[in-house]
Amino acid sequence: MSRARSDRMLRVDQAGEYGATRIYAGQLAVMGDRGPHASEIAAMAAQEADHRARFDRLVAERGVRPTALQPLWSVAGYALGAATALIGPEAAMACTAAIEEEIDRHYTQQLDELADGSDPELAAMVEEFRDDEREHRDAALAAGAERAPAYPLLSGAIRLGCRMAIRLSERI
């Protein structure tokens, strides 16, 4: 795999973890620390913050340019988190389930590319984080994500937005 492709992977993954921290910040701002699922969301947020810090370190070490869209992802992530929390706790969980479904797919595709052994450090991080994201998705589903109002529509819209953010962050 080329260095340029590895850099794009790292750029988009760092952006995604940043976006995740902003989504959870928005949800917790609305829900507070006592809302339904607030402790689960806070725990997921802490994991995402760790993922982001580790990607930040790798971005800095390798001199990879972060996405120029980070200010947009800050606002959009926070707004998405706050909006889904305002709809209700199940909608907040639906947001997590939808995003983590896309991230699972995204990280799995990256792992297929990284299977050539060209970047074992990035591959190990992506695999570890993918497993964490799968746990987040499963926890969100167990917490009632599918009971959110208009779940198929909400989930589909969030998943589409996530796919678009991935494509944009790889390049910009």
N, C-alpha and C. Protein backbone atom coordinates (compact mmCIF):
# COMPACT_ATOMS: atom_id res chain seq x y z
N MET A 1 0.85 -1.17 0.00
CA MET A 1 0.00 0.00 0.00
C MET A 1 0.90 1.24 0.00
N SER A 2 0.45 2.27 -0.68
CA SER A 2 1.24 3.49 -0.80
C SER A 2 1.18 4.32 0.49
N ARG A 3 2.16 5.15 0.66
CA ARG A 3 2.20 6.07 1.80
C ARG A 3 1.00 7.03 1.73
N ALA A 4 0.65 7.45 0.52
CA ALA A 4 -0.49 8.37 0.36
C ALA A 4 -1.77 7.71 0.85
N ARG A 5 -1.96 6.44 0.55
CA ARG A 5 -3.18 5.75 0.99
C ARG A 5 -3.19 5.59 2.50
N SER A 6 -2.04 5.25 3.06
CA SER A 6 -1.93 5.12 4.52
C SER A 6 -2.23 6.46 5.19
N ASP A 7 -1.72 7.55 4.61
CA ASP A 7 -2.00 8.88 5.17
C ASP A 7 -3.49 9.21 5.11
N ARG A 8 -4.15 8.86 4.00
CA ARG A 8 -5.60 9.11 3.88
C ARG A 8 -6.36 8.32 4.93
N MET A 9 -5.95 7.08 5.16
CA MET A 9 -6.61 6.26 6.19
C MET A 9 -6.48 6.93 7.55
N LEU A 10 -5.28 7.33 7.86
CA LEU A 10 -5.03 7.95 9.17
C LEU A 10 -5.80 9.26 9.30
N ARG A 11 -5.83 10.04 8.23
CA ARG A 11 -6.56 11.32 8.25
C ARG A 11 -8.04 11.10 8.55
N VAL A 12 -8.66 10.19 7.82
CA VAL A 12 -10.10 9.98 7.98
C VAL A 12 -10.41 9.33 9.32
N ASP A 13 -9.55 8.45 9.77
CA ASP A 13 -9.81 7.79 11.06
C ASP A 13 -9.70 8.77 12.22
N GLN A 14 -8.70 9.64 12.16
CA GLN A 14 -8.56 10.65 13.20
C GLN A 14 -9.77 11.58 13.18
N ALA A 15 -10.22 11.96 11.99
CA ALA A 15 -11.39 12.83 11.87
C ALA A 15 -12.64 12.15 12.42
N GLY A 16 -12.79 10.87 12.15
CA GLY A 16 -13.95 10.13 12.64
C GLY A 16 -13.99 10.04 14.15
N GLU A 17 -12.84 9.78 14.74
CA GLU A 17 -12.81 9.70 16.20
C GLU A 17 -13.06 11.07 16.82
N TYR A 18 -12.57 12.12 16.17
CA TYR A 18 -12.87 13.47 16.63
C TYR A 18 -14.37 13.73 16.56
N GLY A 19 -14.98 13.38 15.43
CA GLY A 19 -16.41 13.55 15.28
C GLY A 19 -17.20 12.80 16.33
N ALA A 20 -16.75 11.59 16.65
CA ALA A 20 -17.44 10.79 17.67
C ALA A 20 -17.40 11.48 19.03
N THR A 21 -16.26 12.07 19.37
CA THR A 21 -16.19 12.77 20.66
C THR A 21 -17.15 13.95 20.70
N ARG A 22 -17.33 14.60 19.56
CA ARG A 22 -18.24 15.74 19.49
C ARG A 22 -19.71 15.29 19.57
N ILE A 23 -20.04 14.17 18.93
CA ILE A 23 -21.40 13.64 19.02
C ILE A 23 -21.76 13.33 20.47
N TYR A 24 -20.87 12.64 21.15
CA TYR A 24 -21.14 12.28 22.54
C TYR A 24 -21.18 13.53 23.42
N ALA A 25 -20.36 14.53 23.12
CA ALA A 25 -20.41 15.79 23.89
C ALA A 25 -21.78 16.45 23.73
N GLY A 26 -22.30 16.44 22.52
CA GLY A 26 -23.63 17.01 22.29
C GLY A 26 -24.71 16.24 23.01
N GLN A 27 -24.62 14.93 22.98
CA GLN A 27 -25.62 14.11 23.67
C GLN A 27 -25.57 14.35 25.17
N LEU A 28 -24.38 14.35 25.74
CA LEU A 28 -24.26 14.54 27.19
C LEU A 28 -24.65 15.94 27.62
N ALA A 29 -24.45 16.94 26.75
CA ALA A 29 -24.87 18.30 27.09
C ALA A 29 -26.38 18.38 27.25
N VAL A 30 -27.10 17.61 26.44
CA VAL A 30 -28.56 17.60 26.53
C VAL A 30 -29.04 16.69 27.65
N MET A 31 -28.45 15.51 27.75
CA MET A 31 -28.93 14.50 28.70
C MET A 31 -28.44 14.74 30.12
N GLY A 32 -27.31 15.39 30.26
CA GLY A 32 -26.70 15.51 31.57
C GLY A 32 -26.11 14.18 31.99
N ASP A 33 -25.65 14.11 33.20
CA ASP A 33 -25.01 12.88 33.65
C ASP A 33 -25.98 11.90 34.32
N ARG A 34 -27.24 12.26 34.34
CA ARG A 34 -28.23 11.38 34.98
C ARG A 34 -29.28 10.86 34.03
N GLY A 35 -29.22 11.25 32.78
CA GLY A 35 -30.20 10.81 31.80
C GLY A 35 -30.08 9.32 31.53
N PRO A 36 -31.13 8.76 30.92
CA PRO A 36 -31.06 7.35 30.55
C PRO A 36 -29.85 7.11 29.64
N HIS A 37 -29.09 6.13 29.95
CA HIS A 37 -27.91 5.72 29.18
C HIS A 37 -26.75 6.70 29.29
N ALA A 38 -26.83 7.72 30.14
CA ALA A 38 -25.76 8.71 30.24
C ALA A 38 -24.44 8.07 30.65
N SER A 39 -24.49 7.12 31.57
CA SER A 39 -23.23 6.50 31.98
C SER A 39 -22.63 5.66 30.84
N GLU A 40 -23.48 5.00 30.05
CA GLU A 40 -22.97 4.24 28.90
C GLU A 40 -22.37 5.19 27.88
N ILE A 41 -23.06 6.30 27.62
CA ILE A 41 -22.56 7.27 26.65
C ILE A 41 -21.25 7.86 27.13
N ALA A 42 -21.15 8.18 28.41
CA ALA A 42 -19.90 8.74 28.95
C ALA A 42 -18.75 7.74 28.80
N ALA A 43 -19.03 6.46 29.02
CA ALA A 43 -17.99 5.44 28.87
C ALA A 43 -17.56 5.31 27.41
N MET A 44 -18.52 5.35 26.50
CA MET A 44 -18.18 5.29 25.08
C MET A 44 -17.40 6.53 24.67
N ALA A 45 -17.80 7.68 25.20
CA ALA A 45 -17.10 8.93 24.89
C ALA A 45 -15.64 8.87 25.35
N ALA A 46 -15.42 8.28 26.51
CA ALA A 46 -14.04 8.15 27.01
C ALA A 46 -13.21 7.26 26.09
N GLN A 47 -13.80 6.18 25.60
CA GLN A 47 -13.08 5.32 24.67
C GLN A 47 -12.77 6.06 23.38
N GLU A 48 -13.74 6.81 22.87
CA GLU A 48 -13.52 7.57 21.64
C GLU A 48 -12.43 8.62 21.84
N ALA A 49 -12.39 9.24 23.01
CA ALA A 49 -11.34 10.22 23.30
C ALA A 49 -9.97 9.55 23.29
N ASP A 50 -9.89 8.34 23.83
CA ASP A 50 -8.63 7.60 23.79
C ASP A 50 -8.25 7.26 22.35
N HIS A 51 -9.22 6.80 21.56
CA HIS A 51 -8.94 6.51 20.15
C HIS A 51 -8.40 7.76 19.45
N ARG A 52 -9.08 8.88 19.68
CA ARG A 52 -8.66 10.13 19.05
C ARG A 52 -7.25 10.50 19.47
N ALA A 53 -6.95 10.40 20.74
CA ALA A 53 -5.61 10.77 21.22
C ALA A 53 -4.54 9.89 20.57
N ARG A 54 -4.84 8.63 20.41
CA ARG A 54 -3.86 7.73 19.79
C ARG A 54 -3.70 8.02 18.30
N PHE A 55 -4.80 8.35 17.62
CA PHE A 55 -4.67 8.75 16.21
C PHE A 55 -3.96 10.11 16.11
N ASP A 56 -4.26 11.04 17.02
CA ASP A 56 -3.58 12.34 17.03
C ASP A 56 -2.07 12.14 17.13
N ARG A 57 -1.65 11.24 18.01
CA ARG A 57 -0.23 10.96 18.17
C ARG A 57 0.38 10.45 16.87
N LEU A 58 -0.29 9.51 16.23
CA LEU A 58 0.22 8.93 14.99
C LEU A 58 0.24 9.97 13.86
N VAL A 59 -0.79 10.80 13.78
CA VAL A 59 -0.83 11.87 12.79
C VAL A 59 0.37 12.79 12.98
N ALA A 60 0.65 13.17 14.22
CA ALA A 60 1.79 14.06 14.50
C ALA A 60 3.12 13.39 14.20
N GLU A 61 3.28 12.15 14.63
CA GLU A 61 4.54 11.42 14.40
C GLU A 61 4.84 11.26 12.92
N ARG A 62 3.80 11.03 12.13
CA ARG A 62 4.00 10.77 10.70
C ARG A 62 3.88 12.01 9.83
N GLY A 63 3.55 13.13 10.44
CA GLY A 63 3.43 14.35 9.67
C GLY A 63 2.27 14.34 8.68
N VAL A 64 1.19 13.67 9.06
CA VAL A 64 0.01 13.60 8.20
C VAL A 64 -0.83 14.85 8.42
N ARG A 65 -1.28 15.43 7.32
CA ARG A 65 -2.14 16.60 7.40
C ARG A 65 -3.53 16.17 7.85
N PRO A 66 -4.03 16.72 8.96
CA PRO A 66 -5.41 16.41 9.37
C PRO A 66 -6.40 16.98 8.35
N THR A 67 -7.61 16.52 8.42
CA THR A 67 -8.63 17.04 7.52
C THR A 67 -8.86 18.53 7.77
N ALA A 68 -9.05 19.26 6.69
CA ALA A 68 -9.38 20.68 6.80
C ALA A 68 -10.84 20.87 7.25
N LEU A 69 -11.60 19.79 7.27
CA LEU A 69 -13.01 19.86 7.62
C LEU A 69 -13.27 19.71 9.13
N GLN A 70 -12.23 19.64 9.92
CA GLN A 70 -12.42 19.43 11.36
C GLN A 70 -13.35 20.45 12.00
N PRO A 71 -13.27 21.74 11.67
CA PRO A 71 -14.24 22.67 12.28
C PRO A 71 -15.69 22.33 11.92
N LEU A 72 -15.92 21.88 10.70
CA LEU A 72 -17.26 21.47 10.30
C LEU A 72 -17.70 20.24 11.09
N TRP A 73 -16.81 19.27 11.25
CA TRP A 73 -17.16 18.05 11.99
C TRP A 73 -17.41 18.36 13.46
N SER A 74 -16.73 19.37 13.98
CA SER A 74 -16.97 19.77 15.37
C SER A 74 -18.42 20.22 15.56
N VAL A 75 -18.84 21.12 14.69
CA VAL A 75 -20.21 21.66 14.79
C VAL A 75 -21.23 20.60 14.43
N ALA A 76 -21.01 19.90 13.32
CA ALA A 76 -21.97 18.90 12.86
C ALA A 76 -22.10 17.75 13.85
N GLY A 77 -20.99 17.29 14.40
CA GLY A 77 -21.04 16.20 15.37
C GLY A 77 -21.80 16.60 16.62
N TYR A 78 -21.47 17.77 17.14
CA TYR A 78 -22.15 18.25 18.34
C TYR A 78 -23.65 18.41 18.08
N ALA A 79 -23.99 19.00 16.93
CA ALA A 79 -25.40 19.21 16.59
C ALA A 79 -26.13 17.87 16.44
N LEU A 80 -25.50 16.91 15.79
CA LEU A 80 -26.12 15.59 15.65
C LEU A 80 -26.34 14.95 17.01
N GLY A 81 -25.35 15.02 17.87
CA GLY A 81 -25.50 14.46 19.20
C GLY A 81 -26.59 15.13 19.99
N ALA A 82 -26.61 16.45 19.98
CA ALA A 82 -27.64 17.19 20.72
C ALA A 82 -29.03 16.91 20.16
N ALA A 83 -29.14 16.91 18.83
CA ALA A 83 -30.45 16.69 18.21
C ALA A 83 -31.00 15.31 18.53
N THR A 84 -30.16 14.29 18.45
CA THR A 84 -30.67 12.95 18.73
C THR A 84 -31.01 12.80 20.20
N ALA A 85 -30.25 13.42 21.08
CA ALA A 85 -30.58 13.36 22.51
C ALA A 85 -31.88 14.11 22.80
N LEU A 86 -32.13 15.20 22.08
CA LEU A 86 -33.39 15.93 22.27
C LEU A 86 -34.58 15.09 21.85
N ILE A 87 -34.41 14.27 20.82
CA ILE A 87 -35.49 13.37 20.40
C ILE A 87 -35.79 12.37 21.50
N GLY A 88 -34.75 11.89 22.16
CA GLY A 88 -34.93 10.97 23.27
C GLY A 88 -33.77 10.00 23.39
N PRO A 89 -33.73 9.27 24.50
CA PRO A 89 -32.59 8.37 24.74
C PRO A 89 -32.45 7.28 23.69
N GLU A 90 -33.56 6.78 23.17
CA GLU A 90 -33.46 5.74 22.14
C GLU A 90 -32.88 6.32 20.85
N ALA A 91 -33.22 7.56 20.54
CA ALA A 91 -32.66 8.20 19.35
C ALA A 91 -31.16 8.43 19.50
N ALA A 92 -30.73 8.78 20.72
CA ALA A 92 -29.29 8.92 20.96
C ALA A 92 -28.59 7.58 20.72
N MET A 93 -29.21 6.52 21.18
CA MET A 93 -28.65 5.19 20.95
C MET A 93 -28.71 4.80 19.47
N ALA A 94 -29.77 5.22 18.78
CA ALA A 94 -29.89 4.94 17.35
C ALA A 94 -28.76 5.63 16.59
N CYS A 95 -28.40 6.82 17.02
CA CYS A 95 -27.28 7.54 16.41
C CYS A 95 -26.00 6.72 16.55
N THR A 96 -25.74 6.25 17.75
CA THR A 96 -24.55 5.43 17.98
C THR A 96 -24.58 4.17 17.14
N ALA A 97 -25.70 3.47 17.14
CA ALA A 97 -25.79 2.22 16.38
C ALA A 97 -25.54 2.46 14.89
N ALA A 98 -26.12 3.52 14.34
CA ALA A 98 -25.96 3.80 12.92
C ALA A 98 -24.52 4.14 12.57
N ILE A 99 -23.94 5.02 13.35
CA ILE A 99 -22.56 5.42 13.06
C ILE A 99 -21.61 4.25 13.22
N GLU A 100 -21.78 3.50 14.29
CA GLU A 100 -20.85 2.38 14.52
C GLU A 100 -21.00 1.29 13.47
N GLU A 101 -22.18 1.14 12.92
CA GLU A 101 -22.36 0.18 11.82
C GLU A 101 -21.52 0.60 10.61
N GLU A 102 -21.54 1.87 10.31
CA GLU A 102 -20.73 2.37 9.19
C GLU A 102 -19.24 2.30 9.50
N ILE A 103 -18.87 2.60 10.72
CA ILE A 103 -17.45 2.57 11.09
C ILE A 103 -16.93 1.14 11.08
N ASP A 104 -17.75 0.20 11.50
CA ASP A 104 -17.37 -1.22 11.42
C ASP A 104 -17.06 -1.58 9.96
N ARG A 105 -17.95 -1.19 9.06
CA ARG A 105 -17.75 -1.48 7.64
C ARG A 105 -16.48 -0.79 7.13
N HIS A 106 -16.31 0.47 7.50
CA HIS A 106 -15.15 1.27 7.06
C HIS A 106 -13.84 0.66 7.57
N TYR A 107 -13.78 0.36 8.87
CA TYR A 107 -12.56 -0.21 9.43
C TYR A 107 -12.28 -1.60 8.86
N THR A 108 -13.31 -2.38 8.61
CA THR A 108 -13.11 -3.71 8.01
C THR A 108 -12.50 -3.57 6.61
N GLN A 109 -12.98 -2.61 5.84
CA GLN A 109 -12.39 -2.37 4.51
C GLN A 109 -10.92 -1.95 4.63
N GLN A 110 -10.63 -1.12 5.61
CA GLN A 110 -9.24 -0.71 5.80
C GLN A 110 -8.37 -1.91 6.19
N LEU A 111 -8.89 -2.76 7.05
CA LEU A 111 -8.12 -3.93 7.47
C LEU A 111 -7.84 -4.85 6.29
N ASP A 112 -8.78 -4.96 5.37
CA ASP A 112 -8.54 -5.74 4.15
C ASP A 112 -7.36 -5.17 3.37
N GLU A 113 -7.30 -3.84 3.27
CA GLU A 113 -6.19 -3.20 2.56
C GLU A 113 -4.88 -3.34 3.33
N LEU A 114 -4.95 -3.28 4.64
CA LEU A 114 -3.75 -3.36 5.47
C LEU A 114 -3.25 -4.78 5.66
N ALA A 115 -3.99 -5.75 5.15
CA ALA A 115 -3.59 -7.16 5.31
C ALA A 115 -2.27 -7.48 4.61
N ASP A 116 -1.81 -6.58 3.74
CA ASP A 116 -0.54 -6.81 3.05
C ASP A 116 0.67 -6.61 3.96
N GLY A 117 0.43 -6.16 5.20
CA GLY A 117 1.51 -5.99 6.15
C GLY A 117 2.30 -4.71 5.99
N SER A 118 1.80 -3.79 5.18
CA SER A 118 2.54 -2.56 4.90
C SER A 118 2.55 -1.57 6.06
N ASP A 119 1.59 -1.66 6.96
CA ASP A 119 1.52 -0.73 8.08
C ASP A 119 0.96 -1.45 9.31
N PRO A 120 1.77 -2.29 9.95
CA PRO A 120 1.25 -3.09 11.07
C PRO A 120 0.78 -2.26 12.26
N GLU A 121 1.39 -1.11 12.50
CA GLU A 121 0.96 -0.27 13.62
C GLU A 121 -0.46 0.25 13.39
N LEU A 122 -0.72 0.77 12.20
CA LEU A 122 -2.05 1.27 11.89
C LEU A 122 -3.06 0.13 11.87
N ALA A 123 -2.68 -1.01 11.32
CA ALA A 123 -3.59 -2.16 11.26
C ALA A 123 -4.00 -2.60 12.66
N ALA A 124 -3.05 -2.63 13.59
CA ALA A 124 -3.37 -3.05 14.95
C ALA A 124 -4.33 -2.07 15.62
N MET A 125 -4.11 -0.78 15.39
CA MET A 125 -5.00 0.21 15.98
C MET A 125 -6.40 0.10 15.38
N VAL A 126 -6.47 -0.01 14.07
CA VAL A 126 -7.78 -0.09 13.41
C VAL A 126 -8.54 -1.32 13.89
N GLU A 127 -7.84 -2.44 14.03
CA GLU A 127 -8.52 -3.66 14.49
C GLU A 127 -9.04 -3.51 15.92
N GLU A 128 -8.21 -2.96 16.79
CA GLU A 128 -8.62 -2.74 18.18
C GLU A 128 -9.82 -1.79 18.25
N PHE A 129 -9.74 -0.69 17.51
CA PHE A 129 -10.81 0.30 17.56
C PHE A 129 -12.08 -0.24 16.91
N ARG A 130 -11.94 -1.02 15.84
CA ARG A 130 -13.14 -1.62 15.22
C ARG A 130 -13.87 -2.50 16.23
N ASP A 131 -13.12 -3.26 17.01
CA ASP A 131 -13.75 -4.11 18.02
C ASP A 131 -14.48 -3.27 19.06
N ASP A 132 -13.88 -2.15 19.45
CA ASP A 132 -14.55 -1.24 20.39
C ASP A 132 -15.83 -0.67 19.78
N GLU A 133 -15.77 -0.28 18.51
CA GLU A 133 -16.94 0.30 17.84
C GLU A 133 -18.05 -0.74 17.73
N ARG A 134 -17.70 -1.96 17.50
CA ARG A 134 -18.72 -3.03 17.46
C ARG A 134 -19.39 -3.17 18.81
N GLU A 135 -18.61 -3.06 19.87
CA GLU A 135 -19.19 -3.12 21.22
C GLU A 135 -20.14 -1.95 21.45
N HIS A 136 -19.77 -0.78 20.96
CA HIS A 136 -20.64 0.40 21.10
C HIS A 136 -21.95 0.17 20.36
N ARG A 137 -21.86 -0.35 19.13
CA ARG A 137 -23.08 -0.62 18.35
C ARG A 137 -23.97 -1.62 19.07
N ASP A 138 -23.37 -2.70 19.56
CA ASP A 138 -24.15 -3.73 20.25
C ASP A 138 -24.80 -3.19 21.52
N ALA A 139 -24.07 -2.35 22.25
CA ALA A 139 -24.62 -1.75 23.47
C ALA A 139 -25.77 -0.81 23.13
N ALA A 140 -25.63 -0.05 22.05
CA ALA A 140 -26.70 0.85 21.64
C ALA A 140 -27.95 0.09 21.23
N LEU A 141 -27.77 -1.00 20.51
CA LEU A 141 -28.92 -1.82 20.13
C LEU A 141 -29.58 -2.43 21.36
N ALA A 142 -28.77 -2.90 22.30
CA ALA A 142 -29.32 -3.49 23.52
C ALA A 142 -30.05 -2.44 24.36
N ALA A 143 -29.64 -1.17 24.23
CA ALA A 143 -30.27 -0.09 25.00
C ALA A 143 -31.52 0.47 24.33
N GLY A 144 -31.93 -0.12 23.22
CA GLY A 144 -33.20 0.29 22.62
C GLY A 144 -33.11 1.17 21.40
N ALA A 145 -31.98 1.19 20.73
CA ALA A 145 -31.82 2.04 19.54
C ALA A 145 -32.94 1.84 18.53
N GLU A 146 -33.34 0.61 18.33
CA GLU A 146 -34.35 0.31 17.31
C GLU A 146 -35.76 0.76 17.70
N ARG A 147 -35.92 1.20 18.96
CA ARG A 147 -37.21 1.74 19.40
C ARG A 147 -37.31 3.25 19.18
N ALA A 148 -36.26 3.85 18.64
CA ALA A 148 -36.28 5.30 18.39
C ALA A 148 -37.38 5.63 17.38
N PRO A 149 -37.96 6.82 17.51
CA PRO A 149 -38.96 7.24 16.52
C PRO A 149 -38.36 7.22 15.11
N ALA A 150 -39.11 6.64 14.18
CA ALA A 150 -38.70 6.58 12.77
C ALA A 150 -37.29 5.99 12.62
N TYR A 151 -37.01 4.94 13.38
CA TYR A 151 -35.67 4.36 13.40
C TYR A 151 -35.09 4.10 12.01
N PRO A 152 -35.81 3.44 11.11
CA PRO A 152 -35.18 3.18 9.80
C PRO A 152 -34.76 4.45 9.07
N LEU A 153 -35.59 5.48 9.15
CA LEU A 153 -35.28 6.75 8.50
C LEU A 153 -34.10 7.44 9.20
N LEU A 154 -34.17 7.51 10.51
CA LEU A 154 -33.11 8.14 11.29
C LEU A 154 -31.77 7.42 11.07
N SER A 155 -31.80 6.11 11.17
CA SER A 155 -30.58 5.33 10.99
C SER A 155 -30.02 5.49 9.59
N GLY A 156 -30.89 5.42 8.60
CA GLY A 156 -30.44 5.56 7.22
C GLY A 156 -29.82 6.92 6.94
N ALA A 157 -30.44 7.96 7.45
CA ALA A 157 -29.91 9.31 7.24
C ALA A 157 -28.55 9.48 7.91
N ILE A 158 -28.42 8.98 9.12
CA ILE A 158 -27.15 9.10 9.85
C ILE A 158 -26.07 8.29 9.15
N ARG A 159 -26.41 7.09 8.70
CA ARG A 159 -25.43 6.24 8.00
C ARG A 159 -24.97 6.91 6.70
N LEU A 160 -25.90 7.50 5.96
CA LEU A 160 -25.54 8.20 4.73
C LEU A 160 -24.60 9.37 5.04
N GLY A 161 -24.93 10.15 6.04
CA GLY A 161 -24.07 11.26 6.44
C GLY A 161 -22.69 10.79 6.85
N CYS A 162 -22.64 9.68 7.54
CA CYS A 162 -21.35 9.12 7.96
C CYS A 162 -20.51 8.71 6.75
N ARG A 163 -21.14 8.05 5.79
CA ARG A 163 -20.41 7.65 4.56
C ARG A 163 -19.89 8.87 3.81
N MET A 164 -20.70 9.91 3.76
CA MET A 164 -20.26 11.14 3.08
C MET A 164 -19.10 11.78 3.82
N ALA A 165 -19.17 11.82 5.14
CA ALA A 165 -18.09 12.41 5.94
C ALA A 165 -16.78 11.64 5.75
N ILE A 166 -16.89 10.32 5.66
CA ILE A 166 -15.70 9.49 5.44
C ILE A 166 -15.05 9.87 4.11
N ARG A 167 -15.83 9.92 3.06
CA ARG A 167 -15.27 10.22 1.73
C ARG A 167 -14.65 11.62 1.69
N LEU A 168 -15.33 12.58 2.28
CA LEU A 168 -14.80 13.94 2.26
C LEU A 168 -13.52 14.06 3.09
N SER A 169 -13.50 13.44 4.26
CA SER A 169 -12.35 13.57 5.16
C SER A 169 -11.11 12.87 4.63
N GLU A 170 -11.28 11.86 3.79
CA GLU A 170 -10.12 11.20 3.19
C GLU A 170 -9.37 12.17 2.27
N ARG A 171 -10.11 13.05 1.64
CA ARG A 171 -9.55 13.86 0.57
C ARG A 171 -9.28 15.32 0.94
N ILE A 172 -10.10 15.87 1.83
CA ILE A 172 -10.00 17.31 2.12
C ILE A 172 -9.33 17.53 3.47
